[in-house]
N, C-alpha and C. Protein backbone atom coordinates (compact mmCIF):
# COMPACT_ATOMS: atom_id res chain seq x y z
N MET A 1 -77.88 87.26 25.19
CA MET A 1 -77.10 88.99 24.51
C MET A 1 -76.43 88.38 23.17
N ARG A 2 -76.43 89.11 21.90
CA ARG A 2 -75.92 89.00 21.00
C ARG A 2 -74.20 88.99 20.88
N GLN A 3 -73.48 88.62 20.32
CA GLN A 3 -72.14 88.80 21.06
C GLN A 3 -71.24 89.68 19.76
N VAL A 4 -71.01 90.57 19.95
CA VAL A 4 -70.42 91.50 19.22
C VAL A 4 -69.23 90.89 18.05
N PRO A 5 -69.87 91.16 17.19
CA PRO A 5 -68.74 90.14 16.33
C PRO A 5 -67.30 91.08 16.36
N TYR A 6 -66.04 90.06 16.12
CA TYR A 6 -64.45 90.50 16.17
C TYR A 6 -64.32 90.70 14.84
N SER A 7 -63.08 90.92 14.39
CA SER A 7 -61.64 90.86 13.49
C SER A 7 -61.55 89.85 13.49
N GLN A 8 -61.26 88.53 12.87
CA GLN A 8 -60.18 87.72 12.68
C GLN A 8 -58.98 87.73 12.07
N THR A 9 -59.05 88.77 11.24
CA THR A 9 -57.64 89.20 10.56
C THR A 9 -56.49 89.51 11.36
N LEU A 10 -57.85 90.85 12.43
CA LEU A 10 -56.60 91.11 13.11
C LEU A 10 -56.40 90.11 14.75
N ASP A 11 -57.14 89.21 15.02
CA ASP A 11 -56.98 88.30 16.07
C ASP A 11 -55.79 87.91 15.66
N ARG A 12 -55.73 87.22 14.26
CA ARG A 12 -54.61 86.26 13.69
C ARG A 12 -53.08 87.34 13.77
N GLY A 13 -53.34 88.09 13.52
CA GLY A 13 -52.44 89.22 13.31
C GLY A 13 -51.49 89.52 15.12
N LEU A 14 -52.30 89.59 15.87
CA LEU A 14 -52.03 89.90 17.03
C LEU A 14 -51.24 88.32 17.62
N ARG A 15 -52.14 87.28 17.79
CA ARG A 15 -51.51 85.85 17.90
C ARG A 15 -50.10 85.93 16.75
N VAL A 16 -49.67 86.24 16.29
CA VAL A 16 -48.41 86.24 15.37
C VAL A 16 -47.85 86.69 15.94
N LEU A 17 -48.10 88.00 16.43
CA LEU A 17 -47.08 88.97 17.01
C LEU A 17 -46.51 88.56 18.37
N GLU A 18 -47.88 87.71 19.09
CA GLU A 18 -47.10 87.18 20.85
C GLU A 18 -46.24 85.70 20.89
N ALA A 19 -46.30 85.35 19.01
CA ALA A 19 -45.88 83.86 19.16
C ALA A 19 -44.26 84.64 19.45
N LEU A 20 -44.06 85.45 17.86
CA LEU A 20 -42.46 86.17 17.89
C LEU A 20 -41.96 86.60 19.17
N ALA A 21 -42.80 86.94 19.73
CA ALA A 21 -42.11 87.98 21.44
C ALA A 21 -41.85 86.58 22.00
N ASP A 22 -42.26 85.34 21.72
CA ASP A 22 -41.40 84.10 22.54
C ASP A 22 -40.08 83.70 21.54
N GLY A 23 -39.75 84.28 20.44
CA GLY A 23 -39.00 84.30 19.70
C GLY A 23 -39.07 84.13 18.16
N PRO A 24 -37.34 84.22 17.30
CA PRO A 24 -37.91 84.00 15.77
C PRO A 24 -39.02 83.08 15.18
N ARG A 25 -39.18 82.95 14.31
CA ARG A 25 -40.27 81.80 13.69
C ARG A 25 -40.30 81.86 12.15
N SER A 26 -40.41 81.18 11.67
CA SER A 26 -40.56 80.90 10.29
C SER A 26 -41.91 80.60 10.17
N ILE A 27 -42.24 80.71 8.65
CA ILE A 27 -43.53 80.68 8.12
C ILE A 27 -44.03 79.78 8.49
N ALA A 28 -43.45 78.23 8.11
CA ALA A 28 -44.23 77.35 8.71
C ALA A 28 -44.31 77.10 10.14
N ASP A 29 -43.30 77.65 10.83
CA ASP A 29 -43.85 77.84 12.38
C ASP A 29 -45.28 78.39 12.53
N LEU A 30 -45.10 79.36 12.36
CA LEU A 30 -46.07 80.03 12.37
C LEU A 30 -47.56 79.90 11.90
N THR A 31 -47.05 79.23 10.59
CA THR A 31 -48.71 78.48 10.23
C THR A 31 -49.21 77.31 11.25
N LYS A 32 -47.98 75.95 12.24
CA LYS A 32 -48.39 75.77 12.49
C LYS A 32 -49.00 75.91 13.90
N GLU A 33 -48.42 76.98 14.29
CA GLU A 33 -49.16 77.61 15.68
C GLU A 33 -50.26 78.25 15.65
N ILE A 34 -50.60 79.09 14.58
CA ILE A 34 -51.77 80.25 14.60
C ILE A 34 -52.73 78.96 13.82
N ASN A 35 -52.60 77.87 13.49
CA ASN A 35 -53.70 76.63 12.68
C ASN A 35 -54.41 77.59 11.05
N VAL A 36 -53.57 78.28 10.50
CA VAL A 36 -54.19 78.42 9.58
C VAL A 36 -52.97 78.24 8.61
N HIS A 37 -54.03 78.48 6.86
CA HIS A 37 -53.18 78.20 5.64
C HIS A 37 -52.47 79.61 5.86
N ARG A 38 -51.26 78.47 5.13
CA ARG A 38 -49.46 79.18 5.05
C ARG A 38 -49.71 80.94 4.09
N SER A 39 -50.84 80.62 3.21
CA SER A 39 -50.99 81.86 2.69
C SER A 39 -51.31 82.87 3.38
N ILE A 40 -52.14 82.44 3.94
CA ILE A 40 -52.74 84.04 5.02
C ILE A 40 -51.79 84.50 5.93
N ILE A 41 -51.24 83.26 6.64
CA ILE A 41 -49.93 83.82 7.55
C ILE A 41 -48.79 84.45 6.24
N TYR A 42 -48.64 84.18 5.30
CA TYR A 42 -47.75 85.24 4.88
C TYR A 42 -47.88 86.42 4.52
N ARG A 43 -49.90 86.44 4.30
CA ARG A 43 -50.14 88.06 3.70
C ARG A 43 -50.28 88.38 5.56
N ILE A 44 -50.63 88.18 6.21
CA ILE A 44 -50.16 88.43 7.39
C ILE A 44 -48.97 89.40 8.07
N VAL A 45 -47.86 88.27 7.46
CA VAL A 45 -46.87 88.47 8.09
C VAL A 45 -46.39 89.83 6.89
N ARG A 46 -46.80 90.28 5.72
CA ARG A 46 -46.07 90.68 4.85
C ARG A 46 -46.55 92.25 5.50
N THR A 47 -48.01 91.90 5.84
CA THR A 47 -48.56 93.29 6.46
C THR A 47 -47.70 94.01 7.62
N LEU A 48 -47.57 93.40 8.57
CA LEU A 48 -46.79 93.74 9.52
C LEU A 48 -45.40 94.13 9.39
N GLU A 49 -44.72 93.71 8.26
CA GLU A 49 -43.00 93.85 7.71
C GLU A 49 -43.54 95.45 7.40
N ASP A 50 -44.71 95.27 6.72
CA ASP A 50 -45.27 96.65 5.89
C ASP A 50 -44.85 98.03 7.42
N HIS A 51 -45.78 97.50 8.35
CA HIS A 51 -45.81 98.91 9.23
C HIS A 51 -44.32 98.17 10.27
N ARG A 52 -43.00 97.60 9.83
CA ARG A 52 -42.17 97.31 10.87
C ARG A 52 -42.65 97.11 12.10
N LEU A 53 -43.41 96.42 12.50
CA LEU A 53 -43.86 95.60 13.58
C LEU A 53 -43.26 93.87 13.18
N VAL A 54 -42.89 93.54 11.84
CA VAL A 54 -41.83 92.64 11.98
C VAL A 54 -40.82 92.69 11.13
N ALA A 55 -40.03 91.93 11.17
CA ALA A 55 -38.55 92.20 10.49
C ALA A 55 -38.03 90.15 10.13
N ARG A 56 -37.44 90.72 8.61
CA ARG A 56 -37.44 89.53 8.50
C ARG A 56 -35.99 88.93 8.87
N ARG A 57 -34.95 87.92 8.89
CA ARG A 57 -33.67 88.14 9.64
C ARG A 57 -33.02 87.72 8.41
N PRO A 58 -31.65 87.76 8.36
CA PRO A 58 -30.78 86.88 6.84
C PRO A 58 -30.85 85.34 7.01
N ASP A 59 -31.20 84.95 8.27
CA ASP A 59 -31.40 83.51 8.20
C ASP A 59 -32.80 82.97 7.70
N GLY A 60 -33.83 84.26 7.20
CA GLY A 60 -35.03 83.65 6.74
C GLY A 60 -36.20 83.80 8.03
N LEU A 61 -35.74 83.45 9.01
CA LEU A 61 -36.76 83.41 10.24
C LEU A 61 -37.31 84.76 10.36
N TYR A 62 -38.20 84.84 11.27
CA TYR A 62 -39.16 86.34 11.38
C TYR A 62 -39.16 86.73 12.94
N GLU A 63 -38.73 87.58 13.22
CA GLU A 63 -38.72 88.35 14.88
C GLU A 63 -39.65 89.65 14.53
N LEU A 64 -39.52 90.02 16.03
CA LEU A 64 -40.60 91.68 16.19
C LEU A 64 -39.58 92.60 15.72
N GLY A 65 -40.36 93.83 14.89
CA GLY A 65 -39.24 94.54 14.36
C GLY A 65 -39.40 95.87 15.39
N LEU A 66 -38.63 96.80 14.95
CA LEU A 66 -38.62 97.96 15.72
C LEU A 66 -39.66 99.01 15.77
N GLY A 67 -40.65 98.47 14.92
CA GLY A 67 -42.22 99.93 14.90
C GLY A 67 -42.84 99.44 16.48
N VAL A 68 -42.27 97.76 16.95
CA VAL A 68 -42.96 97.11 18.37
C VAL A 68 -42.44 98.31 19.58
N ALA A 69 -40.78 98.43 19.30
CA ALA A 69 -40.29 99.49 20.04
C ALA A 69 -40.96 100.28 20.70
N ALA A 70 -41.34 100.93 19.03
CA ALA A 70 -41.96 102.65 19.29
C ALA A 70 -42.87 102.69 19.70
N LEU A 71 -43.87 101.67 19.57
CA LEU A 71 -45.51 101.66 19.74
C LEU A 71 -45.07 101.41 21.63
N ALA A 72 -44.05 100.49 21.96
CA ALA A 72 -44.06 100.41 23.43
C ALA A 72 -43.54 101.40 24.55
N ARG A 73 -42.97 102.81 23.35
CA ARG A 73 -42.22 103.70 24.20
C ARG A 73 -43.73 104.30 24.72
N SER A 74 -44.59 104.37 24.42
CA SER A 74 -45.77 105.34 24.42
C SER A 74 -46.86 104.84 25.57
N VAL A 75 -46.55 103.24 26.32
CA VAL A 75 -46.61 102.39 27.30
C VAL A 75 -46.33 102.76 28.51
N ASP A 76 -47.05 103.35 29.27
CA ASP A 76 -46.53 103.51 30.69
C ASP A 76 -45.54 104.61 30.73
N SER A 77 -45.32 105.72 30.05
CA SER A 77 -44.52 106.51 29.68
C SER A 77 -43.61 107.08 30.92
N THR A 78 -44.41 107.03 32.07
CA THR A 78 -43.83 107.63 33.54
C THR A 78 -42.80 106.60 34.00
N LEU A 79 -43.33 105.40 33.96
CA LEU A 79 -42.73 104.50 34.94
C LEU A 79 -41.32 103.83 33.73
N GLN A 80 -41.59 104.17 32.54
CA GLN A 80 -40.03 104.18 31.45
C GLN A 80 -39.17 105.52 31.54
N SER A 81 -39.96 106.84 31.91
CA SER A 81 -38.94 107.59 32.46
C SER A 81 -38.28 107.77 33.28
N ALA A 82 -39.17 106.94 34.58
CA ALA A 82 -38.21 106.61 36.09
C ALA A 82 -37.29 105.45 35.77
N ALA A 83 -37.35 104.59 34.77
CA ALA A 83 -36.42 103.84 34.48
C ALA A 83 -35.31 103.87 33.86
N LEU A 84 -35.32 104.78 32.61
CA LEU A 84 -33.83 104.79 31.76
C LEU A 84 -33.16 104.88 32.67
N PRO A 85 -33.03 106.34 33.13
CA PRO A 85 -31.56 106.45 33.59
C PRO A 85 -31.08 105.60 34.88
N GLU A 86 -32.00 105.28 35.29
CA GLU A 86 -31.37 104.07 35.91
C GLU A 86 -30.67 102.69 35.07
N LEU A 87 -31.59 102.39 35.04
CA LEU A 87 -31.16 101.20 33.47
C LEU A 87 -30.05 101.42 33.30
N SER A 88 -29.27 102.71 32.31
CA SER A 88 -28.66 103.37 32.02
C SER A 88 -27.34 102.87 32.45
N ASP A 89 -27.39 103.65 33.76
CA ASP A 89 -26.58 103.11 34.67
C ASP A 89 -25.80 101.79 34.81
N LEU A 90 -27.09 100.61 35.87
CA LEU A 90 -27.02 99.40 35.47
C LEU A 90 -26.54 99.06 34.60
N ALA A 91 -26.66 99.17 33.69
CA ALA A 91 -25.85 98.56 32.28
C ALA A 91 -24.36 99.02 32.10
N ASP A 92 -24.49 99.57 32.44
CA ASP A 92 -22.62 100.36 32.33
C ASP A 92 -21.75 99.96 33.06
N ASP A 93 -22.60 99.80 34.57
CA ASP A 93 -21.78 99.67 35.90
C ASP A 93 -21.10 98.27 35.58
N VAL A 94 -22.52 97.23 35.21
CA VAL A 94 -22.31 96.01 35.14
C VAL A 94 -21.72 95.44 34.01
N GLY A 95 -21.96 95.88 32.70
CA GLY A 95 -21.75 95.52 31.27
C GLY A 95 -22.56 94.36 30.45
N MET A 96 -23.95 94.59 31.50
CA MET A 96 -25.05 93.95 30.84
C MET A 96 -25.77 94.60 30.42
N THR A 97 -27.40 93.75 29.79
CA THR A 97 -27.98 94.51 29.47
C THR A 97 -28.90 94.25 30.56
N ALA A 98 -29.42 95.42 30.96
CA ALA A 98 -30.84 95.91 31.69
C ALA A 98 -31.80 96.00 31.26
N PHE A 99 -33.13 95.70 32.07
CA PHE A 99 -34.59 95.51 31.39
C PHE A 99 -35.53 96.09 32.45
N LEU A 100 -36.83 96.33 31.53
CA LEU A 100 -37.41 96.62 33.28
C LEU A 100 -38.88 95.65 32.54
N VAL A 101 -39.34 94.97 33.68
CA VAL A 101 -40.25 93.80 33.27
C VAL A 101 -41.67 94.33 33.90
N VAL A 102 -42.90 93.92 33.43
CA VAL A 102 -44.26 94.45 33.97
C VAL A 102 -45.00 93.28 34.29
N PRO A 103 -45.89 93.08 35.10
CA PRO A 103 -46.36 92.01 35.26
C PRO A 103 -48.06 92.13 34.06
N ASP A 104 -48.31 91.00 33.77
CA ASP A 104 -49.78 91.53 32.81
C ASP A 104 -50.47 90.11 32.53
N GLY A 105 -50.56 90.07 34.09
CA GLY A 105 -51.65 89.12 34.03
C GLY A 105 -50.97 88.21 34.65
N ALA A 106 -50.54 86.64 34.19
CA ALA A 106 -49.78 85.65 34.68
C ALA A 106 -48.85 85.57 33.85
N ASP A 107 -48.33 87.19 33.00
CA ASP A 107 -47.03 87.17 32.41
C ASP A 107 -46.39 88.00 33.24
N ALA A 108 -45.02 87.89 32.50
CA ALA A 108 -44.00 89.03 32.52
C ALA A 108 -43.80 89.80 31.51
N VAL A 109 -43.86 90.77 31.01
CA VAL A 109 -43.40 91.56 29.85
C VAL A 109 -42.39 92.81 29.81
N THR A 110 -40.82 92.62 28.87
CA THR A 110 -40.13 93.45 28.60
C THR A 110 -40.56 94.71 28.37
N LEU A 111 -40.59 95.86 29.08
CA LEU A 111 -41.16 96.93 28.68
C LEU A 111 -40.05 97.94 28.22
N VAL A 112 -39.02 97.85 28.38
CA VAL A 112 -37.72 98.33 27.52
C VAL A 112 -36.36 98.27 28.13
N SER A 113 -35.52 98.37 27.62
CA SER A 113 -34.13 97.55 27.34
C SER A 113 -33.18 98.20 27.64
N VAL A 114 -31.86 98.43 27.83
CA VAL A 114 -30.66 99.53 27.80
C VAL A 114 -29.83 98.25 27.80
N GLU A 115 -29.04 98.39 26.46
CA GLU A 115 -27.55 97.76 26.44
C GLU A 115 -26.13 98.44 26.77
N PRO A 116 -25.39 97.96 27.43
CA PRO A 116 -24.05 98.44 27.94
C PRO A 116 -23.47 99.12 26.60
N ARG A 117 -22.89 100.38 26.96
CA ARG A 117 -22.35 100.99 25.96
C ARG A 117 -21.01 100.75 25.80
N ARG A 118 -19.99 100.38 26.75
CA ARG A 118 -18.91 100.13 26.70
C ARG A 118 -18.21 98.23 26.87
N SER A 119 -19.47 97.91 26.79
CA SER A 119 -19.25 96.22 26.81
C SER A 119 -19.29 95.37 25.10
N GLN A 120 -17.92 95.04 25.07
CA GLN A 120 -17.72 94.57 23.71
C GLN A 120 -18.69 93.34 23.61
N VAL A 121 -18.65 92.31 24.41
CA VAL A 121 -19.71 91.37 24.17
C VAL A 121 -21.19 91.23 25.21
N HIS A 122 -22.29 91.39 24.80
CA HIS A 122 -23.01 91.20 25.88
C HIS A 122 -24.18 90.46 25.63
N VAL A 123 -25.41 90.45 26.10
CA VAL A 123 -26.81 89.70 25.62
C VAL A 123 -27.81 90.57 25.05
N ALA A 124 -27.95 90.71 23.98
CA ALA A 124 -29.21 91.54 23.51
C ALA A 124 -30.97 91.19 23.78
N TYR A 125 -31.53 91.95 24.31
CA TYR A 125 -32.72 91.40 25.09
C TYR A 125 -33.87 92.42 24.19
N ARG A 126 -34.37 92.27 23.84
CA ARG A 126 -35.56 93.02 22.84
C ARG A 126 -37.05 93.55 24.06
N PRO A 127 -37.33 94.73 24.07
CA PRO A 127 -38.68 94.61 24.57
C PRO A 127 -39.57 93.84 23.84
N GLY A 128 -40.68 93.65 24.49
CA GLY A 128 -41.82 92.79 23.98
C GLY A 128 -41.78 91.56 24.52
N GLY A 129 -40.86 90.84 24.80
CA GLY A 129 -40.88 90.03 25.14
C GLY A 129 -41.46 89.43 26.39
N ARG A 130 -42.33 87.65 26.09
CA ARG A 130 -43.02 87.60 27.30
C ARG A 130 -43.20 86.38 27.30
N HIS A 131 -42.82 85.75 29.02
CA HIS A 131 -43.41 84.20 29.50
C HIS A 131 -43.81 84.73 30.80
N PRO A 132 -43.96 83.73 31.33
CA PRO A 132 -45.21 83.09 32.66
C PRO A 132 -44.34 84.03 33.62
N ILE A 133 -44.85 84.45 34.48
CA ILE A 133 -44.60 85.34 35.30
C ILE A 133 -43.39 84.50 36.15
N HIS A 134 -44.16 83.07 36.35
CA HIS A 134 -43.45 82.58 37.48
C HIS A 134 -42.30 81.67 37.16
N ARG A 135 -41.81 82.24 36.08
CA ARG A 135 -40.49 81.42 35.37
C ARG A 135 -39.45 82.41 34.68
N GLY A 136 -38.54 82.19 35.54
CA GLY A 136 -37.41 83.44 35.02
C GLY A 136 -37.33 84.58 36.10
N ALA A 137 -35.64 85.20 36.68
CA ALA A 137 -35.63 85.83 37.83
C ALA A 137 -36.69 86.84 37.87
N PRO A 138 -37.29 87.86 36.56
CA PRO A 138 -37.76 89.15 36.36
C PRO A 138 -39.24 88.98 37.08
N GLY A 139 -39.91 87.96 36.61
CA GLY A 139 -41.37 87.61 37.29
C GLY A 139 -41.31 87.24 38.79
N ILE A 140 -40.35 86.05 38.91
CA ILE A 140 -39.98 85.93 40.25
C ILE A 140 -39.77 86.83 41.29
N ALA A 141 -39.24 87.93 40.59
CA ALA A 141 -39.22 89.43 41.31
C ALA A 141 -40.25 90.04 41.76
N ILE A 142 -40.97 89.59 40.74
CA ILE A 142 -42.20 90.59 40.94
C ILE A 142 -42.91 90.05 42.23
N LEU A 143 -42.94 88.75 41.89
CA LEU A 143 -44.17 87.89 42.87
C LEU A 143 -43.43 88.21 44.21
N ALA A 144 -41.91 87.83 44.32
CA ALA A 144 -41.36 88.25 45.67
C ALA A 144 -41.66 89.41 46.32
N GLY A 145 -41.86 90.28 45.34
CA GLY A 145 -42.43 92.17 45.95
C GLY A 145 -43.71 92.15 46.62
N ARG A 146 -44.43 90.85 46.38
CA ARG A 146 -45.86 91.36 46.40
C ARG A 146 -46.30 90.44 48.09
N PRO A 147 -47.29 90.52 48.70
CA PRO A 147 -47.32 89.56 49.88
C PRO A 147 -47.29 87.93 49.73
N PRO A 148 -46.64 87.58 51.11
CA PRO A 148 -46.60 85.75 50.72
C PRO A 148 -48.00 85.77 50.48
N VAL A 149 -47.77 84.09 49.51
CA VAL A 149 -49.68 83.99 49.12
C VAL A 149 -49.62 81.99 49.71
N PRO A 150 -49.91 81.64 50.12
CA PRO A 150 -50.34 80.12 50.18
C PRO A 150 -49.44 79.34 49.23
N GLY A 151 -48.77 78.45 49.72
CA GLY A 151 -48.33 77.54 48.53
C GLY A 151 -47.79 78.30 47.55
N GLU A 152 -46.71 79.54 47.54
CA GLU A 152 -46.55 79.66 46.15
C GLU A 152 -44.66 79.50 46.47
N PRO A 153 -43.99 79.12 45.08
CA PRO A 153 -43.24 78.43 44.92
C PRO A 153 -41.96 79.03 46.04
N GLU A 154 -41.41 78.20 46.24
CA GLU A 154 -39.85 78.10 47.48
C GLU A 154 -38.78 79.29 46.90
N ASN A 155 -38.64 79.25 45.46
CA ASN A 155 -38.08 80.57 44.99
C ASN A 155 -38.11 81.95 45.37
N VAL A 156 -39.47 81.92 45.12
CA VAL A 156 -40.55 83.20 45.41
C VAL A 156 -40.20 83.63 46.95
N ALA A 157 -39.94 82.68 47.53
CA ALA A 157 -39.92 82.99 49.28
C ALA A 157 -38.49 83.46 49.53
N ALA A 158 -37.61 82.58 49.07
CA ALA A 158 -36.46 82.86 48.96
C ALA A 158 -35.71 84.43 48.40
N ALA A 159 -36.17 84.59 47.19
CA ALA A 159 -35.70 85.99 46.05
C ALA A 159 -36.52 87.08 47.83
N ARG A 160 -37.72 86.73 48.00
CA ARG A 160 -38.34 87.76 48.62
C ARG A 160 -37.21 88.15 50.00
N ALA A 161 -36.76 86.90 50.75
CA ALA A 161 -36.06 86.66 51.79
C ALA A 161 -34.71 88.03 51.25
N ARG A 162 -33.93 87.72 50.60
CA ARG A 162 -32.63 88.45 50.12
C ARG A 162 -32.96 89.39 49.64
N GLY A 163 -33.95 89.86 48.82
CA GLY A 163 -34.18 90.80 47.75
C GLY A 163 -34.04 90.69 46.47
N TRP A 164 -33.82 89.91 45.80
CA TRP A 164 -33.55 89.31 44.33
C TRP A 164 -34.14 88.35 44.24
N ALA A 165 -33.33 88.20 42.93
CA ALA A 165 -34.15 86.95 42.44
C ALA A 165 -32.71 86.04 41.09
N TYR A 166 -32.75 84.83 41.34
CA TYR A 166 -31.86 84.55 40.42
C TYR A 166 -32.15 83.18 39.17
N SER A 167 -31.87 83.52 38.00
CA SER A 167 -32.52 82.16 37.38
C SER A 167 -31.61 81.97 36.00
N TYR A 168 -31.70 80.74 36.03
CA TYR A 168 -30.83 80.09 35.19
C TYR A 168 -31.23 79.36 33.74
N SER A 169 -31.46 79.14 32.68
CA SER A 169 -32.38 78.36 31.61
C SER A 169 -33.66 78.34 32.17
N GLU A 170 -34.21 79.31 32.70
CA GLU A 170 -35.95 79.40 32.94
C GLU A 170 -36.49 79.87 31.78
N VAL A 171 -36.05 80.97 31.26
CA VAL A 171 -36.70 81.23 29.74
C VAL A 171 -36.03 81.33 28.63
N ILE A 172 -34.75 81.59 28.60
CA ILE A 172 -33.88 81.50 27.29
C ILE A 172 -32.56 80.50 27.85
N SER A 173 -32.32 79.09 26.69
CA SER A 173 -31.82 78.21 27.38
C SER A 173 -30.06 78.81 27.50
N GLY A 174 -29.40 78.58 28.35
CA GLY A 174 -27.90 79.48 28.77
C GLY A 174 -28.27 80.86 29.23
N MET A 175 -29.06 81.27 29.16
CA MET A 175 -29.04 82.83 29.78
C MET A 175 -29.54 82.58 31.09
N ARG A 176 -28.55 83.22 31.84
CA ARG A 176 -28.80 83.64 33.54
C ARG A 176 -29.65 85.31 33.93
N SER A 177 -30.02 85.34 34.73
CA SER A 177 -30.71 86.76 34.94
C SER A 177 -30.88 87.02 36.70
N VAL A 178 -30.52 88.36 37.06
CA VAL A 178 -30.58 88.04 38.37
C VAL A 178 -31.78 89.71 38.13
N ALA A 179 -32.68 89.84 39.26
CA ALA A 179 -33.64 90.74 39.22
C ALA A 179 -34.07 91.24 40.47
N ALA A 180 -34.61 92.54 40.51
CA ALA A 180 -35.30 92.79 42.01
C ALA A 180 -36.49 93.79 41.38
N PRO A 181 -37.38 93.73 42.72
CA PRO A 181 -38.44 94.14 42.56
C PRO A 181 -38.61 95.49 42.39
N VAL A 182 -39.67 96.59 41.83
CA VAL A 182 -39.97 97.74 42.08
C VAL A 182 -40.69 97.93 42.82
N VAL A 183 -40.95 98.37 43.89
CA VAL A 183 -42.08 98.52 44.98
C VAL A 183 -42.30 100.22 45.45
N ASP A 184 -43.74 100.46 44.70
CA ASP A 184 -43.31 101.72 45.13
C ASP A 184 -43.92 102.43 46.61
N ARG A 185 -44.55 103.77 46.77
CA ARG A 185 -44.55 103.77 47.89
C ARG A 185 -46.04 103.64 48.70
N ARG A 186 -46.62 103.22 47.72
CA ARG A 186 -48.00 102.49 48.08
C ARG A 186 -47.97 100.96 48.17
N GLY A 187 -46.87 100.48 48.32
CA GLY A 187 -46.26 99.18 48.36
C GLY A 187 -46.68 98.22 47.35
N ASP A 188 -47.13 98.58 46.23
CA ASP A 188 -47.26 97.98 44.72
C ASP A 188 -46.34 97.49 44.03
N VAL A 189 -45.70 96.90 43.14
CA VAL A 189 -44.86 96.28 42.42
C VAL A 189 -45.15 96.20 40.83
N PRO A 190 -45.06 97.71 40.40
CA PRO A 190 -45.45 98.09 39.29
C PRO A 190 -44.37 97.16 38.39
N ALA A 191 -42.89 96.79 39.15
CA ALA A 191 -42.41 95.91 37.45
C ALA A 191 -41.34 95.58 38.02
N SER A 192 -40.17 94.91 37.57
CA SER A 192 -38.92 94.53 38.49
C SER A 192 -38.19 94.92 37.52
N VAL A 193 -36.68 95.31 37.88
CA VAL A 193 -35.32 95.57 37.33
C VAL A 193 -34.59 94.01 36.88
N ALA A 194 -34.16 93.92 35.74
CA ALA A 194 -33.49 92.90 35.63
C ALA A 194 -32.11 93.32 34.56
N VAL A 195 -31.17 92.07 35.30
CA VAL A 195 -30.15 91.70 33.91
C VAL A 195 -30.08 90.80 32.76
N VAL A 196 -29.37 90.54 32.17
CA VAL A 196 -29.08 89.18 31.08
C VAL A 196 -27.54 89.06 31.10
N TYR A 197 -27.01 87.97 31.26
CA TYR A 197 -25.93 87.82 31.18
C TYR A 197 -25.62 86.05 30.93
N VAL A 198 -24.52 85.74 30.51
CA VAL A 198 -24.00 83.88 29.90
C VAL A 198 -22.88 83.69 31.15
N ALA A 199 -21.79 84.79 31.51
CA ALA A 199 -21.10 84.15 32.57
C ALA A 199 -21.65 83.19 33.86
N ASP A 200 -20.41 82.16 34.08
CA ASP A 200 -21.26 81.87 34.98
C ASP A 200 -20.10 82.31 36.66
N GLU A 201 -19.12 83.14 36.38
CA GLU A 201 -18.10 83.30 37.04
C GLU A 201 -18.38 84.54 38.36
N VAL A 202 -20.18 84.89 37.19
CA VAL A 202 -19.80 86.10 38.45
C VAL A 202 -20.41 86.03 39.21
N ASP A 203 -20.39 87.15 40.56
CA ASP A 203 -20.42 87.10 41.82
C ASP A 203 -22.36 87.60 41.74
N THR A 204 -23.24 86.66 41.82
CA THR A 204 -24.49 86.71 41.77
C THR A 204 -24.96 87.45 43.59
N GLU A 205 -23.94 87.83 44.97
CA GLU A 205 -24.68 88.26 45.55
C GLU A 205 -24.31 89.71 45.09
N LYS A 206 -23.12 90.31 44.64
CA LYS A 206 -22.64 91.70 44.97
C LYS A 206 -23.82 92.33 43.58
N LEU A 207 -23.91 91.40 42.93
CA LEU A 207 -24.51 91.68 41.59
C LEU A 207 -26.40 92.00 41.98
N GLY A 208 -27.18 91.18 42.64
CA GLY A 208 -28.11 91.12 43.41
C GLY A 208 -28.12 92.57 43.86
N ARG A 209 -26.88 93.00 44.74
CA ARG A 209 -27.29 93.75 45.49
C ARG A 209 -27.26 95.50 44.53
N ARG A 210 -26.50 95.45 43.56
CA ARG A 210 -26.75 96.26 42.70
C ARG A 210 -27.27 96.30 41.68
N VAL A 211 -28.34 95.69 41.35
CA VAL A 211 -30.03 95.56 40.51
C VAL A 211 -30.53 96.10 41.50
N MET A 212 -30.77 95.22 42.83
CA MET A 212 -31.81 96.31 44.12
C MET A 212 -31.47 97.49 44.52
N ALA A 213 -30.33 98.32 44.03
CA ALA A 213 -29.75 99.24 44.49
C ALA A 213 -30.52 100.29 43.08
N ALA A 214 -30.53 99.62 41.93
CA ALA A 214 -31.34 99.87 40.79
C ALA A 214 -32.76 100.33 40.94
N ALA A 215 -33.24 98.69 41.34
CA ALA A 215 -35.30 99.45 41.62
C ALA A 215 -35.52 99.85 42.28
N ALA A 216 -34.59 100.33 43.50
CA ALA A 216 -34.96 101.34 44.70
C ALA A 216 -34.52 102.35 44.24
N ALA A 217 -33.85 102.81 43.37
CA ALA A 217 -33.92 104.47 42.79
C ALA A 217 -35.22 104.46 41.75
N VAL A 218 -35.02 103.27 41.05
CA VAL A 218 -36.38 103.48 39.98
C VAL A 218 -37.57 104.14 40.63
N ALA A 219 -38.02 102.91 41.99
CA ALA A 219 -39.01 103.08 42.83
C ALA A 219 -39.01 104.51 43.56
N GLY A 220 -37.86 105.48 43.61
CA GLY A 220 -37.62 106.75 43.88
C GLY A 220 -38.08 107.59 43.18
N ASN A 221 -37.49 107.29 41.94
CA ASN A 221 -37.85 108.41 41.20
C ASN A 221 -39.47 108.27 40.58
N LEU A 222 -40.35 107.61 40.93
CA LEU A 222 -41.67 107.48 40.78
C LEU A 222 -42.17 108.36 41.79
N GLY A 223 -41.62 108.21 42.92
CA GLY A 223 -42.07 110.02 43.36
C GLY A 223 -42.99 108.96 44.58
């Protein structure tokens, strides 16, 4: 059967966005990762800038733009509506950025994040970030909310036993995260609720219980 042709330019543009979802990049970085000529990457980035999907930072690196967040707001609006009030309460209660992560195949993707309103210092975490689901507390929490599978990692089993997951420096160096699965009435796990922070003197048991409560509230809002 004849293969349907696809847009090479669109493919490259999407690969640029996927690369930036992992963190800021320079034109040289993107040229190397996408493996095309620098001039092509530059044209793609400029086009994405025009649509506010990419933004240039003061240090010259490029990152995902606010247009990505605008697009994300239309993705799974029911889940976001159920999560936003609970994320806001959680962020303000613990003074940390709270976010909702959803599974996408073998990856975990940040769908929406809320920063605390009264905290002087906190970690910002942009929607659209993607990382392997088995790395980092949000993905581990999603796996822990599912039934056990043979050969699963020990940290998944441990998270299932206590109801929440913890990670340190698994996704971003120096960052800690606590997450709990959102388990709906059918027993599915459409997401996890997580917080991200730096301090090491935090009572993770207490924080884990608070994140679990937020995840349960999101599940309750889903009906």
